[in-house]
Amino acid sequence: MVARCAEHPFFSYDDWFIGSTELTLGILDE
């Protein structure tokens, strides 16, 4: 698991980060 700061807007285009935003299309639930 990864804990990332909510107030910091962007960390990566990879799924581990984008999956924690509203843009979850194409990202596995796990």
Full PDB file with SEQRES, HELIX, SHEET, SSBOND, CRYST1, ORIGX, SCALE, CONECT and MASTER records, all heavy atoms in Angstrom:
SEQRES   1 A   30  MET VAL ALA ARG CYS ALA GLU HIS PRO PHE PHE SER TYR          
SEQRES   2 A   30  ASP ASP TRP PHE ILE GLY SER THR GLU LEU THR LEU GLY          
SEQRES   3 A   30  ILE LEU ASP GLU                                              
HELIX    1 AA1 ASP A   15  ILE A   18  1                                   4    
CRYST1    1.000    1.000    1.000  90.00  90.00  90.00 P 1           1          
ORIGX1      1.000000  0.000000  0.000000        0.00000                         
ORIGX2      0.000000  1.000000  0.000000        0.00000                         
ORIGX3      0.000000  0.000000  1.000000        0.00000                         
SCALE1      1.000000  0.000000  0.000000        0.00000                         
SCALE2      0.000000  1.000000  0.000000        0.00000                         
SCALE3      0.000000  0.000000  1.000000        0.00000                         
ATOM      1  N   MET A   1       0.808  -1.216   0.000  1.00  0.00           N  
ATOM      2  CA  MET A   1       0.000   0.000   0.000  1.00  0.00           C  
ATOM      3  C   MET A   1       0.846   1.272   0.000  1.00  0.00           C  
ATOM      4  O   MET A   1       1.983   1.286   0.482  1.00  0.00           O  
ATOM      5  CB  MET A   1      -0.958  -0.003   1.198  1.00  0.00           C  
ATOM      6  CG  MET A   1      -2.020  -1.088   1.122  1.00  0.00           C  
ATOM      7  SD  MET A   1      -3.241  -0.994   2.466  1.00  0.00           S  
ATOM      8  CE  MET A   1      -4.169   0.466   1.959  1.00  0.00           C  
ATOM      9  N   VAL A   2       0.245   2.328  -0.563  1.00  0.00           N  
ATOM     10  CA  VAL A   2       0.899   3.628  -0.665  1.00  0.00           C  
ATOM     11  C   VAL A   2       0.015   4.679  -0.006  1.00  0.00           C  
ATOM     12  O   VAL A   2      -1.198   4.726  -0.257  1.00  0.00           O  
ATOM     13  CB  VAL A   2       1.130   4.021  -2.142  1.00  0.00           C  
ATOM     14  CG1 VAL A   2       1.718   5.420  -2.248  1.00  0.00           C  
ATOM     15  CG2 VAL A   2       2.021   2.999  -2.835  1.00  0.00           C  
ATOM     16  N   ALA A   3       0.602   5.519   0.837  1.00  0.00           N  
ATOM     17  CA  ALA A   3      -0.103   6.676   1.394  1.00  0.00           C  
ATOM     18  C   ALA A   3       0.457   7.916   0.715  1.00  0.00           C  
ATOM     19  O   ALA A   3       1.662   8.148   0.735  1.00  0.00           O  
ATOM     20  CB  ALA A   3       0.102   6.765   2.904  1.00  0.00           C  
ATOM     21  N   ARG A   4      -0.428   8.679   0.081  1.00  0.00           N  
ATOM     22  CA  ARG A   4       0.035   9.880  -0.628  1.00  0.00           C  
ATOM     23  C   ARG A   4      -0.751  11.093  -0.148  1.00  0.00           C  
ATOM     24  O   ARG A   4      -1.905  11.006   0.254  1.00  0.00           O  
ATOM     25  CB  ARG A   4      -0.061   9.698  -2.139  1.00  0.00           C  
ATOM     26  CG  ARG A   4      -1.467   9.590  -2.717  1.00  0.00           C  
ATOM     27  CD  ARG A   4      -1.941  10.922  -3.252  1.00  0.00           C  
ATOM     28  NE  ARG A   4      -3.212  10.846  -3.955  1.00  0.00           N  
ATOM     29  CZ  ARG A   4      -3.921  11.902  -4.324  1.00  0.00           C  
ATOM     30  NH1 ARG A   4      -3.508  13.119  -4.037  1.00  0.00           N  
ATOM     31  NH2 ARG A   4      -5.062  11.767  -4.960  1.00  0.00           N  
ATOM     32  N   CYS A   5      -0.086  12.241  -0.189  1.00  0.00           N  
ATOM     33  CA  CYS A   5      -0.687  13.475   0.326  1.00  0.00           C  
ATOM     34  C   CYS A   5      -1.784  13.970  -0.611  1.00  0.00           C  
ATOM     35  O   CYS A   5      -1.554  14.161  -1.810  1.00  0.00           O  
ATOM     36  CB  CYS A   5       0.386  14.537   0.494  1.00  0.00           C  
ATOM     37  SG  CYS A   5      -0.223  16.038   1.294  1.00  0.00           S  
ATOM     38  N   ALA A   6      -2.972  14.204  -0.062  1.00  0.00           N  
ATOM     39  CA  ALA A   6      -4.131  14.593  -0.860  1.00  0.00           C  
ATOM     40  C   ALA A   6      -3.995  15.994  -1.444  1.00  0.00           C  
ATOM     41  O   ALA A   6      -4.538  16.276  -2.522  1.00  0.00           O  
ATOM     42  CB  ALA A   6      -5.397  14.504  -0.006  1.00  0.00           C  
ATOM     43  N   GLU A   7      -3.302  16.883  -0.748  1.00  0.00           N  
ATOM     44  CA  GLU A   7      -3.204  18.268  -1.198  1.00  0.00           C  
ATOM     45  C   GLU A   7      -2.172  18.481  -2.301  1.00  0.00           C  
ATOM     46  O   GLU A   7      -2.120  19.556  -2.901  1.00  0.00           O  
ATOM     47  CB  GLU A   7      -2.878  19.195  -0.022  1.00  0.00           C  
ATOM     48  CG  GLU A   7      -4.049  19.475   0.892  1.00  0.00           C  
ATOM     49  CD  GLU A   7      -4.401  18.304   1.800  1.00  0.00           C  
ATOM     50  OE1 GLU A   7      -3.502  17.481   2.094  1.00  0.00           O  
ATOM     51  OE2 GLU A   7      -5.566  18.208   2.215  1.00  0.00           O  
ATOM     52  N   HIS A   8      -1.361  17.479  -2.558  1.00  0.00           N  
ATOM     53  CA  HIS A   8      -0.333  17.621  -3.575  1.00  0.00           C  
ATOM     54  C   HIS A   8      -0.859  17.037  -4.877  1.00  0.00           C  
ATOM     55  O   HIS A   8      -1.171  15.854  -4.955  1.00  0.00           O  
ATOM     56  CB  HIS A   8       0.961  16.957  -3.115  1.00  0.00           C  
ATOM     57  CG  HIS A   8       1.501  17.589  -1.869  1.00  0.00           C  
ATOM     58  ND1 HIS A   8       2.471  17.006  -1.078  1.00  0.00           N  
ATOM     59  CD2 HIS A   8       1.191  18.765  -1.263  1.00  0.00           C  
ATOM     60  CE1 HIS A   8       2.740  17.809  -0.054  1.00  0.00           C  
ATOM     61  NE2 HIS A   8       1.965  18.875  -0.151  1.00  0.00           N  
ATOM     62  N   PRO A   9      -0.991  17.885  -5.915  1.00  0.00           N  
ATOM     63  CA  PRO A   9      -1.874  17.576  -7.036  1.00  0.00           C  
ATOM     64  C   PRO A   9      -1.443  16.462  -7.967  1.00  0.00           C  
ATOM     65  O   PRO A   9      -2.281  15.816  -8.592  1.00  0.00           O  
ATOM     66  CB  PRO A   9      -1.949  18.909  -7.797  1.00  0.00           C  
ATOM     67  CG  PRO A   9      -0.686  19.621  -7.433  1.00  0.00           C  
ATOM     68  CD  PRO A   9      -0.398  19.229  -6.027  1.00  0.00           C  
ATOM     69  N   PHE A  10      -0.146  16.214  -8.117  1.00  0.00           N  
ATOM     70  CA  PHE A  10       0.259  15.236  -9.129  1.00  0.00           C  
ATOM     71  C   PHE A  10       1.565  14.556  -8.743  1.00  0.00           C  
ATOM     72  O   PHE A  10       2.553  15.225  -8.431  1.00  0.00           O  
ATOM     73  CB  PHE A  10       0.430  15.932 -10.488  1.00  0.00           C  
ATOM     74  CG  PHE A  10       0.657  14.968 -11.618  1.00  0.00           C  
ATOM     75  CD1 PHE A  10      -0.396  14.287 -12.181  1.00  0.00           C  
ATOM     76  CD2 PHE A  10       1.932  14.747 -12.109  1.00  0.00           C  
ATOM     77  CE1 PHE A  10      -0.195  13.379 -13.229  1.00  0.00           C  
ATOM     78  CE2 PHE A  10       2.152  13.851 -13.156  1.00  0.00           C  
ATOM     79  CZ  PHE A  10       1.078  13.170 -13.714  1.00  0.00           C  
ATOM     80  N   PHE A  11       1.550  13.235  -8.788  1.00  0.00           N  
ATOM     81  CA  PHE A  11       2.760  12.473  -8.529  1.00  0.00           C  
ATOM     82  C   PHE A  11       3.205  11.649  -9.733  1.00  0.00           C  
ATOM     83  O   PHE A  11       4.398  11.460  -9.940  1.00  0.00           O  
ATOM     84  CB  PHE A  11       2.566  11.534  -7.327  1.00  0.00           C  
ATOM     85  CG  PHE A  11       2.514  12.249  -6.002  1.00  0.00           C  
ATOM     86  CD1 PHE A  11       1.317  12.447  -5.348  1.00  0.00           C  
ATOM     87  CD2 PHE A  11       3.665  12.736  -5.413  1.00  0.00           C  
ATOM     88  CE1 PHE A  11       1.262  13.104  -4.122  1.00  0.00           C  
ATOM     89  CE2 PHE A  11       3.636  13.395  -4.188  1.00  0.00           C  
ATOM     90  CZ  PHE A  11       2.425  13.584  -3.549  1.00  0.00           C  
ATOM     91  N   SER A  12       2.246  11.127 -10.501  1.00  0.00           N  
ATOM     92  CA  SER A  12       2.612  10.238 -11.598  1.00  0.00           C  
ATOM     93  C   SER A  12       1.421  10.002 -12.514  1.00  0.00           C  
ATOM     94  O   SER A  12       0.266  10.094 -12.084  1.00  0.00           O  
ATOM     95  CB  SER A  12       3.102   8.891 -11.045  1.00  0.00           C  
ATOM     96  OG  SER A  12       3.375   7.972 -12.083  1.00  0.00           O  
ATOM     97  N   TYR A  13       1.694   9.683 -13.769  1.00  0.00           N  
ATOM     98  CA  TYR A  13       0.612   9.245 -14.658  1.00  0.00           C  
ATOM     99  C   TYR A  13       0.306   7.768 -14.483  1.00  0.00           C  
ATOM    100  O   TYR A  13      -0.622   7.236 -15.094  1.00  0.00           O  
ATOM    101  CB  TYR A  13       0.933   9.545 -16.133  1.00  0.00           C  
ATOM    102  CG  TYR A  13       2.259   9.014 -16.650  1.00  0.00           C  
ATOM    103  CD1 TYR A  13       2.585   7.655 -16.602  1.00  0.00           C  
ATOM    104  CD2 TYR A  13       3.183   9.882 -17.216  1.00  0.00           C  
ATOM    105  CE1 TYR A  13       3.779   7.178 -17.094  1.00  0.00           C  
ATOM    106  CE2 TYR A  13       4.390   9.417 -17.712  1.00  0.00           C  
ATOM    107  CZ  TYR A  13       4.677   8.061 -17.652  1.00  0.00           C  
ATOM    108  OH  TYR A  13       5.884   7.590 -18.132  1.00  0.00           O  
ATOM    109  N   ASP A  14       1.079   7.064 -13.661  1.00  0.00           N  
ATOM    110  CA  ASP A  14       0.876   5.638 -13.457  1.00  0.00           C  
ATOM    111  C   ASP A  14      -0.318   5.355 -12.557  1.00  0.00           C  
ATOM    112  O   ASP A  14      -0.773   6.202 -11.786  1.00  0.00           O  
ATOM    113  CB  ASP A  14       2.144   5.006 -12.883  1.00  0.00           C  
ATOM    114  CG  ASP A  14       3.248   4.910 -13.934  1.00  0.00           C  
ATOM    115  OD1 ASP A  14       2.985   4.357 -15.007  1.00  0.00           O  
ATOM    116  OD2 ASP A  14       4.361   5.401 -13.671  1.00  0.00           O  
ATOM    117  N   ASP A  15      -0.806   4.124 -12.633  1.00  0.00           N  
ATOM    118  CA  ASP A  15      -2.071   3.757 -12.005  1.00  0.00           C  
ATOM    119  C   ASP A  15      -2.073   3.897 -10.490  1.00  0.00           C  
ATOM    120  O   ASP A  15      -3.115   4.201  -9.894  1.00  0.00           O  
ATOM    121  CB  ASP A  15      -2.438   2.306 -12.373  1.00  0.00           C  
ATOM    122  CG  ASP A  15      -2.821   2.160 -13.837  1.00  0.00           C  
ATOM    123  OD1 ASP A  15      -2.877   3.189 -14.539  1.00  0.00           O  
ATOM    124  OD2 ASP A  15      -3.052   1.016 -14.277  1.00  0.00           O  
ATOM    125  N   TRP A  16      -0.925   3.677  -9.843  1.00  0.00           N  
ATOM    126  CA  TRP A  16      -0.908   3.743  -8.375  1.00  0.00           C  
ATOM    127  C   TRP A  16      -1.349   5.114  -7.877  1.00  0.00           C  
ATOM    128  O   TRP A  16      -1.948   5.224  -6.809  1.00  0.00           O  
ATOM    129  CB  TRP A  16       0.484   3.399  -7.824  1.00  0.00           C  
ATOM    130  CG  TRP A  16       1.545   4.425  -8.108  1.00  0.00           C  
ATOM    131  CD1 TRP A  16       2.419   4.429  -9.150  1.00  0.00           C  
ATOM    132  CD2 TRP A  16       1.844   5.605  -7.348  1.00  0.00           C  
ATOM    133  NE1 TRP A  16       3.239   5.537  -9.093  1.00  0.00           N  
ATOM    134  CE2 TRP A  16       2.913   6.273  -8.003  1.00  0.00           C  
ATOM    135  CE3 TRP A  16       1.322   6.170  -6.186  1.00  0.00           C  
ATOM    136  CZ2 TRP A  16       3.459   7.469  -7.530  1.00  0.00           C  
ATOM    137  CZ3 TRP A  16       1.863   7.361  -5.720  1.00  0.00           C  
ATOM    138  CH2 TRP A  16       2.913   7.990  -6.374  1.00  0.00           C  
ATOM    139  N   PHE A  17      -1.059   6.179  -8.681  1.00  0.00           N  
ATOM    140  CA  PHE A  17      -1.502   7.513  -8.294  1.00  0.00           C  
ATOM    141  C   PHE A  17      -2.839   7.886  -8.935  1.00  0.00           C  
ATOM    142  O   PHE A  17      -3.758   8.332  -8.244  1.00  0.00           O  
ATOM    143  CB  PHE A  17      -0.460   8.572  -8.667  1.00  0.00           C  
ATOM    144  CG  PHE A  17      -1.001   9.972  -8.543  1.00  0.00           C  
ATOM    145  CD1 PHE A  17      -1.260  10.525  -7.300  1.00  0.00           C  
ATOM    146  CD2 PHE A  17      -1.324  10.720  -9.668  1.00  0.00           C  
ATOM    147  CE1 PHE A  17      -1.808  11.792  -7.171  1.00  0.00           C  
ATOM    148  CE2 PHE A  17      -1.861  11.995  -9.557  1.00  0.00           C  
ATOM    149  CZ  PHE A  17      -2.103  12.531  -8.306  1.00  0.00           C  
ATOM    150  N   ILE A  18      -2.961   7.756 -10.243  1.00  0.00           N  
ATOM    151  CA  ILE A  18      -4.178   8.181 -10.935  1.00  0.00           C  
ATOM    152  C   ILE A  18      -5.401   7.459 -10.372  1.00  0.00           C  
ATOM    153  O   ILE A  18      -6.496   8.026 -10.308  1.00  0.00           O  
ATOM    154  CB  ILE A  18      -4.057   7.948 -12.450  1.00  0.00           C  
ATOM    155  CG1 ILE A  18      -2.916   8.798 -13.032  1.00  0.00           C  
ATOM    156  CG2 ILE A  18      -5.353   8.287 -13.164  1.00  0.00           C  
ATOM    157  CD1 ILE A  18      -3.124  10.292 -12.895  1.00  0.00           C  
ATOM    158  N   GLY A  19      -5.231   6.230  -9.917  1.00  0.00           N  
ATOM    159  CA  GLY A  19      -6.338   5.490  -9.317  1.00  0.00           C  
ATOM    160  C   GLY A  19      -6.870   6.119  -8.047  1.00  0.00           C  
ATOM    161  O   GLY A  19      -7.978   5.793  -7.605  1.00  0.00           O  
ATOM    162  N   SER A  20      -6.097   7.022  -7.451  1.00  0.00           N  
ATOM    163  CA  SER A  20      -6.551   7.699  -6.230  1.00  0.00           C  
ATOM    164  C   SER A  20      -7.214   9.036  -6.544  1.00  0.00           C  
ATOM    165  O   SER A  20      -7.574   9.775  -5.637  1.00  0.00           O  
ATOM    166  CB  SER A  20      -5.371   7.918  -5.270  1.00  0.00           C  
ATOM    167  OG  SER A  20      -4.437   8.842  -5.810  1.00  0.00           O  
ATOM    168  N   THR A  21      -7.384   9.332  -7.839  1.00  0.00           N  
ATOM    169  CA  THR A  21      -8.088  10.541  -8.266  1.00  0.00           C  
ATOM    170  C   THR A  21      -9.453  10.144  -8.826  1.00  0.00           C  
ATOM    171  O   THR A  21      -9.842   8.971  -8.786  1.00  0.00           O  
ATOM    172  CB  THR A  21      -7.293  11.301  -9.340  1.00  0.00           C  
ATOM    173  OG1 THR A  21      -7.364  10.596 -10.595  1.00  0.00           O  
ATOM    174  CG2 THR A  21      -5.832  11.453  -8.935  1.00  0.00           C  
ATOM    175  N   GLU A  22     -10.155  11.108  -9.380  1.00  0.00           N  
ATOM    176  CA  GLU A  22     -11.444  10.817 -10.009  1.00  0.00           C  
ATOM    177  C   GLU A  22     -11.303  10.031 -11.310  1.00  0.00           C  
ATOM    178  O   GLU A  22     -12.257   9.405 -11.771  1.00  0.00           O  
ATOM    179  CB  GLU A  22     -12.190  12.127 -10.306  1.00  0.00           C  
ATOM    180  CG  GLU A  22     -12.736  12.841  -9.084  1.00  0.00           C  
ATOM    181  CD  GLU A  22     -13.616  14.009  -9.475  1.00  0.00           C  
ATOM    182  OE1 GLU A  22     -13.123  14.895 -10.184  1.00  0.00           O  
ATOM    183  OE2 GLU A  22     -14.795  14.014  -9.079  1.00  0.00           O  
ATOM    184  N   LEU A  23     -10.129  10.042 -11.889  1.00  0.00           N  
ATOM    185  CA  LEU A  23      -9.926   9.454 -13.221  1.00  0.00           C  
ATOM    186  C   LEU A  23      -9.527   7.988 -13.115  1.00  0.00           C  
ATOM    187  O   LEU A  23      -8.365   7.621 -13.287  1.00  0.00           O  
ATOM    188  CB  LEU A  23      -8.857  10.257 -13.971  1.00  0.00           C  
ATOM    189  CG  LEU A  23      -9.148  11.754 -14.100  1.00  0.00           C  
ATOM    190  CD1 LEU A  23      -7.988  12.485 -14.743  1.00  0.00           C  
ATOM    191  CD2 LEU A  23     -10.414  11.974 -14.907  1.00  0.00           C  
ATOM    192  N   THR A  24     -10.492   7.135 -12.856  1.00  0.00           N  
ATOM    193  CA  THR A  24     -10.220   5.719 -12.593  1.00  0.00           C  
ATOM    194  C   THR A  24     -10.492   4.813 -13.795  1.00  0.00           C  
ATOM    195  O   THR A  24     -10.317   3.601 -13.692  1.00  0.00           O  
ATOM    196  CB  THR A  24     -11.069   5.232 -11.409  1.00  0.00           C  
ATOM    197  OG1 THR A  24     -12.459   5.485 -11.686  1.00  0.00           O  
ATOM    198  CG2 THR A  24     -10.671   5.950 -10.121  1.00  0.00           C  
ATOM    199  N   LEU A  25     -10.902   5.379 -14.922  1.00  0.00           N  
ATOM    200  CA  LEU A  25     -11.188   4.574 -16.100  1.00  0.00           C  
ATOM    201  C   LEU A  25      -9.936   3.817 -16.549  1.00  0.00           C  
ATOM    202  O   LEU A  25      -8.865   4.396 -16.711  1.00  0.00           O  
ATOM    203  CB  LEU A  25     -11.685   5.476 -17.243  1.00  0.00           C  
ATOM    204  CG  LEU A  25     -12.127   4.782 -18.532  1.00  0.00           C  
ATOM    205  CD1 LEU A  25     -13.344   3.903 -18.286  1.00  0.00           C  
ATOM    206  CD2 LEU A  25     -12.422   5.815 -19.623  1.00  0.00           C  
ATOM    207  N   GLY A  26     -10.069   2.498 -16.710  1.00  0.00           N  
ATOM    208  CA  GLY A  26      -8.958   1.681 -17.161  1.00  0.00           C  
ATOM    209  C   GLY A  26      -8.031   1.202 -16.065  1.00  0.00           C  
ATOM    210  O   GLY A  26      -7.013   0.557 -16.359  1.00  0.00           O  
ATOM    211  N   ILE A  27      -8.349   1.482 -14.816  1.00  0.00           N  
ATOM    212  CA  ILE A  27      -7.486   1.104 -13.693  1.00  0.00           C  
ATOM    213  C   ILE A  27      -8.162   0.019 -12.867  1.00  0.00           C  
ATOM    214  O   ILE A  27      -9.356   0.101 -12.561  1.00  0.00           O  
ATOM    215  CB  ILE A  27      -7.169   2.334 -12.812  1.00  0.00           C  
ATOM    216  CG1 ILE A  27      -6.484   3.411 -13.656  1.00  0.00           C  
ATOM    217  CG2 ILE A  27      -6.268   1.938 -11.636  1.00  0.00           C  
ATOM    218  CD1 ILE A  27      -6.219   4.697 -12.914  1.00  0.00           C  
ATOM    219  N   LEU A  28      -7.413  -1.013 -12.499  1.00  0.00           N  
ATOM    220  CA  LEU A  28      -7.957  -2.149 -11.750  1.00  0.00           C  
ATOM    221  C   LEU A  28      -8.371  -1.729 -10.339  1.00  0.00           C  
ATOM    222  O   LEU A  28      -7.719  -0.901  -9.705  1.00  0.00           O  
ATOM    223  CB  LEU A  28      -6.914  -3.260 -11.661  1.00  0.00           C  
ATOM    224  CG  LEU A  28      -6.437  -3.864 -12.998  1.00  0.00           C  
ATOM    225  CD1 LEU A  28      -5.342  -4.887 -12.747  1.00  0.00           C  
ATOM    226  CD2 LEU A  28      -7.599  -4.505 -13.756  1.00  0.00           C  
ATOM    227  N   ASP A  29      -9.467  -2.322  -9.856  1.00  0.00           N  
ATOM    228  CA  ASP A  29      -9.971  -2.015  -8.515  1.00  0.00           C  
ATOM    229  C   ASP A  29      -8.910  -2.268  -7.447  1.00  0.00           C  
ATOM    230  O   ASP A  29      -8.797  -1.519  -6.478  1.00  0.00           O  
ATOM    231  CB  ASP A  29     -11.222  -2.837  -8.213  1.00  0.00           C  
ATOM    232  CG  ASP A  29     -12.441  -2.361  -8.991  1.00  0.00           C  
ATOM    233  OD1 ASP A  29     -12.414  -1.209  -9.472  1.00  0.00           O  
ATOM    234  OD2 ASP A  29     -13.407  -3.131  -9.123  1.00  0.00           O  
ATOM    235  N   GLU A  30      -8.149  -3.340  -7.605  1.00  0.00           N  
ATOM    236  CA  GLU A  30      -7.123  -3.674  -6.621  1.00  0.00           C  
ATOM    237  C   GLU A  30      -6.079  -2.566  -6.517  1.00  0.00           C  
ATOM    238  O   GLU A  30      -5.616  -2.228  -5.426  1.00  0.00           O  
ATOM    239  CB  GLU A  30      -6.439  -4.992  -7.008  1.00  0.00           C  
ATOM    240  CG  GLU A  30      -5.371  -5.437  -6.008  1.00  0.00           C  
ATOM    241  CD  GLU A  30      -4.693  -6.732  -6.408  1.00  0.00           C  
ATOM    242  OE1 GLU A  30      -5.110  -7.335  -7.421  1.00  0.00           O  
ATOM    243  OE2 GLU A  30      -3.754  -7.136  -5.713  1.00  0.00           O  
TER     244      GLU A  30                                                      
MASTER        0    0    0    1    0    0    0    6  243    1    0    3          
END                                                                             
